[in-house]
Amino acid sequence: MQLQRFNIPTPIKLSLLWTALMWLYIYNDYFSLYLPGTIDSMSAGIIGPLGEATELILISVSLILVIPALLIYLSCALPPVISKWTNVGFGVIYTGLQALTFSGSEPFYKMVVIFEILVTLAIVLTAWRWPVED
């Protein structure tokens, strides 16, 4: 007996991958709160290695989180060609951003960053291989 295979449409795959990435972000940041001194730094207006929580830093960090959140929806809502290249582009950008957070991090954080990088590479690969209609 074989189980039936369900072919997930590419836009849904991409949406699910962006959703997984967001959960990895949330949990990595949540677990980081348990590191000694993190809450004190936050209370002092310091955002880890980014330094003082200025308006520019807060806007930048917000944009970094808003884009993948929007791509959960946009991967399905955009026309296929635009969605493909949007996912390839942002997948590459976010792979690079995650690689920048790797050095100097705690071991648990590095482990999750490896999974984040794998997810963003899967986004790039999935979008790149988007099936073409005949």
Protein backbone atom coordinates (compact mmCIF):
# COMPACT_ATOMS: atom_id res chain seq x y z
CA MET A 1 0.00 0.00 0.00
CA GLN A 2 1.39 3.40 -0.99
CA LEU A 3 0.33 6.68 0.55
CA GLN A 4 -0.99 9.27 -1.84
CA ARG A 5 1.48 12.01 -2.69
CA PHE A 6 0.20 15.55 -2.38
CA ASN A 7 1.92 18.02 -4.66
CA ILE A 8 2.14 21.34 -2.89
CA PRO A 9 1.97 24.32 -5.24
CA THR A 10 5.17 26.40 -5.30
CA PRO A 11 3.58 29.57 -3.84
CA ILE A 12 2.31 27.55 -0.85
CA LYS A 13 5.75 25.95 -0.34
CA LEU A 14 7.33 29.41 -0.30
CA SER A 15 4.73 30.75 2.10
CA LEU A 16 5.33 27.82 4.45
CA LEU A 17 9.11 28.32 4.28
CA TRP A 18 8.77 32.04 5.16
CA THR A 19 6.46 31.03 8.03
CA ALA A 20 9.06 28.55 9.31
CA LEU A 21 11.72 31.26 9.09
CA MET A 22 9.60 33.64 11.18
CA TRP A 23 9.15 30.99 13.88
CA LEU A 24 12.90 30.38 13.95
CA TYR A 25 13.45 34.14 14.40
CA ILE A 26 10.92 34.33 17.20
CA TYR A 27 12.28 31.36 19.14
CA ASN A 28 15.92 32.33 18.74
CA ASP A 29 15.19 35.82 20.06
CA TYR A 30 13.01 34.40 22.84
CA PHE A 31 15.69 31.98 24.05
CA SER A 32 18.24 34.79 23.89
CA LEU A 33 16.27 36.56 26.62
CA TYR A 34 17.52 33.90 29.05
CA LEU A 35 21.16 34.90 28.58
CA PRO A 36 22.56 36.83 31.55
CA GLY A 37 22.51 40.58 31.01
CA THR A 38 20.10 40.58 28.05
CA ILE A 39 17.17 42.11 29.93
CA ASP A 40 19.45 44.69 31.56
CA SER A 41 20.81 45.68 28.13
CA MET A 42 17.30 45.95 26.73
CA SER A 43 16.24 48.13 29.65
CA ALA A 44 19.26 50.35 28.97
CA GLY A 45 18.19 50.73 25.32
CA ILE A 46 20.91 48.51 23.86
CA ILE A 47 20.11 46.09 21.02
CA GLY A 48 22.86 43.49 21.27
CA PRO A 49 25.69 44.07 18.79
CA LEU A 50 23.72 46.86 17.05
CA GLY A 51 24.27 49.15 20.02
CA GLU A 52 21.96 51.96 21.10
CA ALA A 53 18.29 51.58 20.11
CA THR A 54 18.09 54.72 17.96
CA GLU A 55 15.11 55.43 15.70
CA LEU A 56 17.16 54.38 12.66
CA ILE A 57 18.18 51.07 14.26
CA LEU A 58 14.61 50.33 15.38
CA ILE A 59 13.19 51.12 11.94
CA SER A 60 15.88 48.99 10.27
CA VAL A 61 15.29 46.01 12.57
CA SER A 62 11.53 46.38 12.08
CA LEU A 63 11.94 46.30 8.30
CA ILE A 64 14.11 43.20 8.56
CA LEU A 65 11.22 41.45 10.33
CA VAL A 66 8.37 42.95 8.29
CA ILE A 67 9.65 41.72 4.92
CA PRO A 68 9.56 37.95 5.68
CA ALA A 69 6.22 38.40 7.44
CA LEU A 70 4.77 40.03 4.31
CA LEU A 71 6.33 37.40 2.06
CA ILE A 72 4.20 34.76 3.78
CA TYR A 73 1.25 36.39 2.01
CA LEU A 74 2.97 37.88 -1.03
CA SER A 75 4.45 34.53 -2.10
CA CYS A 76 0.89 33.46 -2.91
CA ALA A 77 -0.63 36.82 -3.90
CA LEU A 78 1.94 38.20 -6.34
CA PRO A 79 1.92 37.18 -10.01
CA PRO A 80 4.15 34.08 -10.41
CA VAL A 81 7.07 35.76 -12.21
CA ILE A 82 7.22 38.61 -9.69
CA SER A 83 6.83 36.17 -6.79
CA LYS A 84 9.62 33.98 -8.14
CA TRP A 85 12.18 36.78 -8.39
CA THR A 86 11.03 38.45 -5.16
CA ASN A 87 11.58 35.17 -3.32
CA VAL A 88 14.95 34.54 -4.98
CA GLY A 89 16.12 38.08 -4.18
CA PHE A 90 14.96 38.23 -0.59
CA GLY A 91 16.03 34.62 0.01
CA VAL A 92 19.59 35.55 -0.99
CA ILE A 93 19.51 38.77 1.07
CA TYR A 94 18.24 36.99 4.18
CA THR A 95 20.79 34.19 3.80
CA GLY A 96 23.46 36.89 3.92
CA LEU A 97 21.88 38.66 6.89
CA GLN A 98 21.75 35.42 8.86
CA ALA A 99 25.35 34.62 8.02
CA LEU A 100 26.29 37.99 9.55
CA THR A 101 24.64 37.02 12.87
CA PHE A 102 26.60 33.78 13.13
CA SER A 103 29.97 34.92 14.43
CA GLY A 104 30.20 35.78 18.11
CA SER A 105 26.84 34.17 18.90
CA GLU A 106 26.10 31.60 21.56
CA PRO A 107 26.14 27.93 20.41
CA PHE A 108 22.33 27.56 20.63
CA TYR A 109 21.92 30.71 18.55
CA LYS A 110 24.37 29.46 15.92
CA MET A 111 22.47 26.18 15.67
CA VAL A 112 19.21 27.99 14.92
CA VAL A 113 20.97 30.34 12.48
CA ILE A 114 22.15 27.27 10.56
CA PHE A 115 18.50 26.21 10.23
CA GLU A 116 17.53 29.76 9.21
CA ILE A 117 20.17 29.65 6.48
CA LEU A 118 18.93 26.25 5.31
CA VAL A 119 15.37 27.61 5.14
CA THR A 120 16.38 30.70 3.15
CA LEU A 121 18.44 28.56 0.78
CA ALA A 122 15.38 26.32 0.37
CA ILE A 123 13.38 29.47 -0.47
CA VAL A 124 15.89 30.43 -3.16
CA LEU A 125 16.01 26.91 -4.58
CA THR A 126 12.22 26.46 -4.53
CA ALA A 127 11.62 29.79 -6.23
CA TRP A 128 14.44 29.21 -8.74
CA ARG A 129 12.92 25.85 -9.73
CA TRP A 130 9.39 27.26 -10.09
CA PRO A 131 7.66 24.99 -12.64
CA VAL A 132 6.84 26.53 -15.99
CA GLU A 133 3.44 25.98 -17.60
CA ASP A 134 3.45 24.33 -21.03
